[in-house]
Amino acid sequence: MSESINVDNKLPLCPICGEQLLVRLARGRKSGKPFIMLLCAKDGRHYRAFITYAPYVKTIIEKMEALKHESR
């Protein structure tokens, strides 16, 4: 059974403490490839997840760049 946590376009909460998850853009140490990291705002040891699917990461980076240019 698959259940969607993200029904209202908000990030899920940490399953340990209930804090909102943070989103960070990062790069692999060796590969240099970009990825998206989700982690607990209170304590990064509680929850840490990585999204490495290249087409999705590329889309997010493009959206971030567009927002950056709009805010100037």
PDB file of N, CA and C in Angstrom:
ATOM      1  N   MET A   1       0.836  -1.180   0.000  1.00  0.00           N
ATOM      2  CA  MET A   1       0.000   0.000   0.000  1.00  0.00           C
ATOM      3  C   MET A   1       0.880   1.242   0.000  1.00  0.00           C
ATOM      4  N   SER A   2       0.693   2.116  -0.960  1.00  0.00           N
ATOM      5  CA  SER A   2       1.468   3.335  -1.061  1.00  0.00           C
ATOM      6  C   SER A   2       0.624   4.520  -0.600  1.00  0.00           C
ATOM      7  N   GLU A   3       1.192   5.338   0.254  1.00  0.00           N
ATOM      8  CA  GLU A   3       0.465   6.478   0.801  1.00  0.00           C
ATOM      9  C   GLU A   3       1.278   7.734   0.565  1.00  0.00           C
ATOM     10  N   SER A   4       0.654   8.780   0.043  1.00  0.00           N
ATOM     11  CA  SER A   4       1.342  10.037  -0.210  1.00  0.00           C
ATOM     12  C   SER A   4       1.348  10.884   1.053  1.00  0.00           C
ATOM     13  N   ILE A   5       2.522  11.338   1.455  1.00  0.00           N
ATOM     14  CA  ILE A   5       2.651  12.215   2.618  1.00  0.00           C
ATOM     15  C   ILE A   5       2.450  13.661   2.203  1.00  0.00           C
ATOM     16  N   ASN A   6       2.846  13.982   0.991  1.00  0.00           N
ATOM     17  CA  ASN A   6       2.924  15.356   0.527  1.00  0.00           C
ATOM     18  C   ASN A   6       1.680  15.739  -0.270  1.00  0.00           C
ATOM     19  N   VAL A   7       0.526  15.810   0.376  1.00  0.00           N
ATOM     20  CA  VAL A   7      -0.716  16.066  -0.342  1.00  0.00           C
ATOM     21  C   VAL A   7      -0.974  17.548  -0.587  1.00  0.00           C
ATOM     22  N   ASP A   8      -0.325  18.437   0.152  1.00  0.00           N
ATOM     23  CA  ASP A   8      -0.581  19.864  -0.018  1.00  0.00           C
ATOM     24  C   ASP A   8       0.677  20.656  -0.371  1.00  0.00           C
ATOM     25  N   ASN A   9       1.610  20.025  -1.064  1.00  0.00           N
ATOM     26  CA  ASN A   9       2.849  20.656  -1.525  1.00  0.00           C
ATOM     27  C   ASN A   9       3.734  21.173  -0.394  1.00  0.00           C
ATOM     28  N   LYS A  10       3.637  20.591   0.785  1.00  0.00           N
ATOM     29  CA  LYS A  10       4.522  20.914   1.886  1.00  0.00           C
ATOM     30  C   LYS A  10       5.435  19.726   2.115  1.00  0.00           C
ATOM     31  N   LEU A  11       6.616  20.006   2.620  1.00  0.00           N
ATOM     32  CA  LEU A  11       7.541  18.926   2.940  1.00  0.00           C
ATOM     33  C   LEU A  11       7.021  18.150   4.140  1.00  0.00           C
ATOM     34  N   PRO A  12       7.306  16.850   4.174  1.00  0.00           N
ATOM     35  CA  PRO A  12       6.898  16.070   5.344  1.00  0.00           C
ATOM     36  C   PRO A  12       7.693  16.498   6.574  1.00  0.00           C
ATOM     37  N   LEU A  13       7.209  16.110   7.720  1.00  0.00           N
ATOM     38  CA  LEU A  13       7.876  16.409   8.980  1.00  0.00           C
ATOM     39  C   LEU A  13       8.810  15.264   9.351  1.00  0.00           C
ATOM     40  N   CYS A  14       9.779  15.575  10.174  1.00  0.00           N
ATOM     41  CA  CYS A  14      10.698  14.555  10.676  1.00  0.00           C
ATOM     42  C   CYS A  14       9.900  13.508  11.438  1.00  0.00           C
ATOM     43  N   PRO A  15      10.081  12.235  11.123  1.00  0.00           N
ATOM     44  CA  PRO A  15       9.321  11.190  11.827  1.00  0.00           C
ATOM     45  C   PRO A  15       9.752  11.007  13.282  1.00  0.00           C
ATOM     46  N   ILE A  16      10.902  11.553  13.673  1.00  0.00           N
ATOM     47  CA  ILE A  16      11.401  11.407  15.043  1.00  0.00           C
ATOM     48  C   ILE A  16      10.882  12.519  15.950  1.00  0.00           C
ATOM     49  N   CYS A  17      11.049  13.780  15.506  1.00  0.00           N
ATOM     50  CA  CYS A  17      10.720  14.902  16.386  1.00  0.00           C
ATOM     51  C   CYS A  17       9.589  15.797  15.875  1.00  0.00           C
ATOM     52  N   GLY A  18       9.171  15.632  14.625  1.00  0.00           N
ATOM     53  CA  GLY A  18       8.070  16.421  14.086  1.00  0.00           C
ATOM     54  C   GLY A  18       8.452  17.780  13.532  1.00  0.00           C
ATOM     55  N   GLU A  19       9.746  18.104  13.491  1.00  0.00           N
ATOM     56  CA  GLU A  19      10.202  19.369  12.911  1.00  0.00           C
ATOM     57  C   GLU A  19      10.076  19.333  11.390  1.00  0.00           C
ATOM     58  N   GLN A  20       9.951  20.514  10.782  1.00  0.00           N
ATOM     59  CA  GLN A  20       9.914  20.619   9.324  1.00  0.00           C
ATOM     60  C   GLN A  20      11.282  20.208   8.769  1.00  0.00           C
ATOM     61  N   LEU A  21      11.283  19.518   7.648  1.00  0.00           N
ATOM     62  CA  LEU A  21      12.538  19.127   7.024  1.00  0.00           C
ATOM     63  C   LEU A  21      13.116  20.300   6.244  1.00  0.00           C
ATOM     64  N   LEU A  22      14.428  20.385   6.209  1.00  0.00           N
ATOM     65  CA  LEU A  22      15.135  21.382   5.412  1.00  0.00           C
ATOM     66  C   LEU A  22      15.494  20.774   4.065  1.00  0.00           C
ATOM     67  N   VAL A  23      15.613  21.613   3.056  1.00  0.00           N
ATOM     68  CA  VAL A  23      16.021  21.170   1.724  1.00  0.00           C
ATOM     69  C   VAL A  23      17.307  21.897   1.378  1.00  0.00           C
ATOM     70  N   ARG A  24      18.302  21.138   0.950  1.00  0.00           N
ATOM     71  CA  ARG A  24      19.585  21.733   0.553  1.00  0.00           C
ATOM     72  C   ARG A  24      20.012  21.156  -0.789  1.00  0.00           C
ATOM     73  N   LEU A  25      20.604  21.995  -1.585  1.00  0.00           N
ATOM     74  CA  LEU A  25      21.208  21.546  -2.830  1.00  0.00           C
ATOM     75  C   LEU A  25      22.675  21.275  -2.532  1.00  0.00           C
ATOM     76  N   ALA A  26      23.178  20.129  -2.948  1.00  0.00           N
ATOM     77  CA  ALA A  26      24.562  19.760  -2.655  1.00  0.00           C
ATOM     78  C   ALA A  26      25.167  19.051  -3.858  1.00  0.00           C
ATOM     79  N   ARG A  27      26.457  18.765  -3.766  1.00  0.00           N
ATOM     80  CA  ARG A  27      27.165  18.052  -4.831  1.00  0.00           C
ATOM     81  C   ARG A  27      27.912  16.875  -4.226  1.00  0.00           C
ATOM     82  N   GLY A  28      27.995  15.795  -5.005  1.00  0.00           N
ATOM     83  CA  GLY A  28      28.725  14.617  -4.562  1.00  0.00           C
ATOM     84  C   GLY A  28      30.197  14.928  -4.385  1.00  0.00           C
ATOM     85  N   ARG A  29      30.816  14.341  -3.388  1.00  0.00           N
ATOM     86  CA  ARG A  29      32.231  14.611  -3.112  1.00  0.00           C
ATOM     87  C   ARG A  29      33.134  14.186  -4.263  1.00  0.00           C
ATOM     88  N   LYS A  30      32.938  12.978  -4.740  1.00  0.00           N
ATOM     89  CA  LYS A  30      33.796  12.469  -5.814  1.00  0.00           C
ATOM     90  C   LYS A  30      33.245  12.772  -7.196  1.00  0.00           C
ATOM     91  N   SER A  31      31.952  12.560  -7.377  1.00  0.00           N
ATOM     92  CA  SER A  31      31.361  12.714  -8.711  1.00  0.00           C
ATOM     93  C   SER A  31      31.115  14.170  -9.075  1.00  0.00           C
ATOM     94  N   GLY A  32      30.868  14.998  -8.084  1.00  0.00           N
ATOM     95  CA  GLY A  32      30.544  16.390  -8.349  1.00  0.00           C
ATOM     96  C   GLY A  32      29.123  16.588  -8.864  1.00  0.00           C
ATOM     97  N   LYS A  33      28.352  15.506  -8.925  1.00  0.00           N
ATOM     98  CA  LYS A  33      26.980  15.598  -9.424  1.00  0.00           C
ATOM     99  C   LYS A  33      26.073  16.239  -8.376  1.00  0.00           C
ATOM    100  N   PRO A  34      25.141  17.086  -8.833  1.00  0.00           N
ATOM    101  CA  PRO A  34      24.233  17.722  -7.869  1.00  0.00           C
ATOM    102  C   PRO A  34      23.183  16.737  -7.368  1.00  0.00           C
ATOM    103  N   PHE A  35      22.734  16.963  -6.130  1.00  0.00           N
ATOM    104  CA  PHE A  35      21.635  16.189  -5.572  1.00  0.00           C
ATOM    105  C   PHE A  35      20.892  17.072  -4.582  1.00  0.00           C
ATOM    106  N   ILE A  36      19.719  16.629  -4.190  1.00  0.00           N
ATOM    107  CA  ILE A  36      18.916  17.354  -3.221  1.00  0.00           C
ATOM    108  C   ILE A  36      18.943  16.565  -1.922  1.00  0.00           C
ATOM    109  N   MET A  37      19.206  17.268  -0.829  1.00  0.00           N
ATOM    110  CA  MET A  37      19.259  16.613   0.468  1.00  0.00           C
ATOM    111  C   MET A  37      18.118  17.150   1.339  1.00  0.00           C
ATOM    112  N   LEU A  38      17.389  16.246   1.959  1.00  0.00           N
ATOM    113  CA  LEU A  38      16.358  16.595   2.930  1.00  0.00           C
ATOM    114  C   LEU A  38      16.881  16.186   4.291  1.00  0.00           C
ATOM    115  N   LEU A  39      16.775  17.074   5.290  1.00  0.00           N
ATOM    116  CA  LEU A  39      17.219  16.685   6.612  1.00  0.00           C
ATOM    117  C   LEU A  39      16.420  17.396   7.683  1.00  0.00           C
ATOM    118  N   CYS A  40      16.422  16.817   8.853  1.00  0.00           N
ATOM    119  CA  CYS A  40      15.695  17.360   9.999  1.00  0.00           C
ATOM    120  C   CYS A  40      16.330  18.684  10.403  1.00  0.00           C
ATOM    121  N   ALA A  41      15.494  19.713  10.602  1.00  0.00           N
ATOM    122  CA  ALA A  41      15.987  21.031  10.994  1.00  0.00           C
ATOM    123  C   ALA A  41      16.529  21.037  12.419  1.00  0.00           C
ATOM    124  N   LYS A  42      16.001  20.180  13.259  1.00  0.00           N
ATOM    125  CA  LYS A  42      16.417  20.144  14.666  1.00  0.00           C
ATOM    126  C   LYS A  42      17.717  19.367  14.854  1.00  0.00           C
ATOM    127  N   ASP A  43      17.820  18.212  14.221  1.00  0.00           N
ATOM    128  CA  ASP A  43      19.004  17.356  14.367  1.00  0.00           C
ATOM    129  C   ASP A  43      19.135  16.504  13.105  1.00  0.00           C
ATOM    130  N   GLY A  44      20.146  16.743  12.319  1.00  0.00           N
ATOM    131  CA  GLY A  44      20.355  16.042  11.060  1.00  0.00           C
ATOM    132  C   GLY A  44      20.510  14.540  11.199  1.00  0.00           C
ATOM    133  N   ARG A  45      20.743  14.059  12.417  1.00  0.00           N
ATOM    134  CA  ARG A  45      20.848  12.611  12.627  1.00  0.00           C
ATOM    135  C   ARG A  45      19.487  11.944  12.658  1.00  0.00           C
ATOM    136  N   HIS A  46      18.435  12.733  12.917  1.00  0.00           N
ATOM    137  CA  HIS A  46      17.079  12.167  12.968  1.00  0.00           C
ATOM    138  C   HIS A  46      16.645  11.648  11.608  1.00  0.00           C
ATOM    139  N   TYR A  47      16.817  12.483  10.613  1.00  0.00           N
ATOM    140  CA  TYR A  47      16.330  12.125   9.270  1.00  0.00           C
ATOM    141  C   TYR A  47      17.219  12.786   8.239  1.00  0.00           C
ATOM    142  N   ARG A  48      17.676  12.009   7.283  1.00  0.00           N
ATOM    143  CA  ARG A  48      18.482  12.528   6.183  1.00  0.00           C
ATOM    144  C   ARG A  48      18.154  11.691   4.952  1.00  0.00           C
ATOM    145  N   ALA A  49      17.794  12.373   3.867  1.00  0.00           N
ATOM    146  CA  ALA A  49      17.437  11.673   2.640  1.00  0.00           C
ATOM    147  C   ALA A  49      18.058  12.393   1.458  1.00  0.00           C
ATOM    148  N   PHE A  50      18.303  11.651   0.395  1.00  0.00           N
ATOM    149  CA  PHE A  50      18.953  12.212  -0.783  1.00  0.00           C
ATOM    150  C   PHE A  50      18.144  11.890  -2.025  1.00  0.00           C
ATOM    151  N   ILE A  51      17.941  12.897  -2.864  1.00  0.00           N
ATOM    152  CA  ILE A  51      17.279  12.708  -4.150  1.00  0.00           C
ATOM    153  C   ILE A  51      18.352  12.905  -5.209  1.00  0.00           C
ATOM    154  N   THR A  52      18.613  11.854  -5.975  1.00  0.00           N
ATOM    155  CA  THR A  52      19.687  11.906  -6.964  1.00  0.00           C
ATOM    156  C   THR A  52      19.193  11.714  -8.386  1.00  0.00           C
ATOM    157  N   TYR A  53      17.902  11.570  -8.585  1.00  0.00           N
ATOM    158  CA  TYR A  53      17.342  11.343  -9.918  1.00  0.00           C
ATOM    159  C   TYR A  53      17.630  12.575 -10.775  1.00  0.00           C
ATOM    160  N   ALA A  54      18.559  12.444 -11.713  1.00  0.00           N
ATOM    161  CA  ALA A  54      19.111  13.571 -12.464  1.00  0.00           C
ATOM    162  C   ALA A  54      18.054  14.455 -13.147  1.00  0.00           C
ATOM    163  N   PRO A  55      17.048  13.899 -13.837  1.00  0.00           N
ATOM    164  CA  PRO A  55      16.058  14.780 -14.468  1.00  0.00           C
ATOM    165  C   PRO A  55      15.299  15.644 -13.452  1.00  0.00           C
ATOM    166  N   TYR A  56      14.972  15.088 -12.313  1.00  0.00           N
ATOM    167  CA  TYR A  56      14.252  15.851 -11.291  1.00  0.00           C
ATOM    168  C   TYR A  56      15.159  16.926 -10.690  1.00  0.00           C
ATOM    169  N   VAL A  57      16.390  16.566 -10.359  1.00  0.00           N
ATOM    170  CA  VAL A  57      17.334  17.523  -9.776  1.00  0.00           C
ATOM    171  C   VAL A  57      17.571  18.670 -10.756  1.00  0.00           C
ATOM    172  N   LYS A  58      17.715  18.353 -12.036  1.00  0.00           N
ATOM    173  CA  LYS A  58      17.927  19.391 -13.052  1.00  0.00           C
ATOM    174  C   LYS A  58      16.740  20.353 -13.099  1.00  0.00           C
ATOM    175  N   THR A  59      15.525  19.829 -13.019  1.00  0.00           N
ATOM    176  CA  THR A  59      14.322  20.658 -13.031  1.00  0.00           C
ATOM    177  C   THR A  59      14.300  21.598 -11.829  1.00  0.00           C
ATOM    178  N   ILE A  60      14.642  21.092 -10.662  1.00  0.00           N
ATOM    179  CA  ILE A  60      14.648  21.915  -9.449  1.00  0.00           C
ATOM    180  C   ILE A  60      15.711  23.007  -9.553  1.00  0.00           C
ATOM    181  N   ILE A  61      16.881  22.682 -10.050  1.00  0.00           N
ATOM    182  CA  ILE A  61      17.943  23.677 -10.205  1.00  0.00           C
ATOM    183  C   ILE A  61      17.500  24.772 -11.169  1.00  0.00           C
ATOM    184  N   GLU A  62      16.873  24.391 -12.266  1.00  0.00           N
ATOM    185  CA  GLU A  62      16.386  25.377 -13.227  1.00  0.00           C
ATOM    186  C   GLU A  62      15.337  26.294 -12.595  1.00  0.00           C
ATOM    187  N   LYS A  63      14.429  25.726 -11.793  1.00  0.00           N
ATOM    188  CA  LYS A  63      13.410  26.535 -11.115  1.00  0.00           C
ATOM    189  C   LYS A  63      14.054  27.491 -10.121  1.00  0.00           C
ATOM    190  N   MET A  64      15.070  27.019  -9.403  1.00  0.00           N
ATOM    191  CA  MET A  64      15.766  27.880  -8.442  1.00  0.00           C
ATOM    192  C   MET A  64      16.468  29.030  -9.148  1.00  0.00           C
ATOM    193  N   GLU A  65      17.098  28.743 -10.281  1.00  0.00           N
ATOM    194  CA  GLU A  65      17.771  29.792 -11.057  1.00  0.00           C
ATOM    195  C   GLU A  65      16.763  30.823 -11.551  1.00  0.00           C
ATOM    196  N   ALA A  66      15.603  30.361 -12.004  1.00  0.00           N
ATOM    197  CA  ALA A  66      14.559  31.277 -12.495  1.00  0.00           C
ATOM    198  C   ALA A  66      14.077  32.184 -11.370  1.00  0.00           C
ATOM    199  N   LEU A  67      13.874  31.627 -10.177  1.00  0.00           N
ATOM    200  CA  LEU A  67      13.457  32.425  -9.031  1.00  0.00           C
ATOM    201  C   LEU A  67      14.525  33.433  -8.631  1.00  0.00           C
ATOM    202  N   LYS A  68      15.774  33.013  -8.733  1.00  0.00           N
ATOM    203  CA  LYS A  68      16.899  33.882  -8.379  1.00  0.00           C
ATOM    204  C   LYS A  68      16.931  35.099  -9.313  1.00  0.00           C
ATOM    205  N   HIS A  69      16.712  34.861 -10.612  1.00  0.00           N
ATOM    206  CA  HIS A  69      16.735  35.952 -11.584  1.00  0.00           C
ATOM    207  C   HIS A  69      15.512  36.862 -11.440  1.00  0.00           C
ATOM    208  N   GLU A  70      14.373  36.303 -11.043  1.00  0.00           N
ATOM    209  CA  GLU A  70      13.161  37.108 -10.855  1.00  0.00           C
ATOM    210  C   GLU A  70      13.282  38.035  -9.667  1.00  0.00           C
ATOM    211  N   SER A  71      14.008  37.619  -8.640  1.00  0.00           N
ATOM    212  CA  SER A  71      14.108  38.414  -7.424  1.00  0.00           C
ATOM    213  C   SER A  71      15.089  39.581  -7.556  1.00  0.00           C
ATOM    214  N   ARG A  72      15.821  39.651  -8.635  1.00  0.00           N
ATOM    215  CA  ARG A  72      16.798  40.742  -8.819  1.00  0.00           C
ATOM    216  C   ARG A  72      16.144  42.001  -9.257  1.00  0.00           C
TER     217      ARG A  72
END
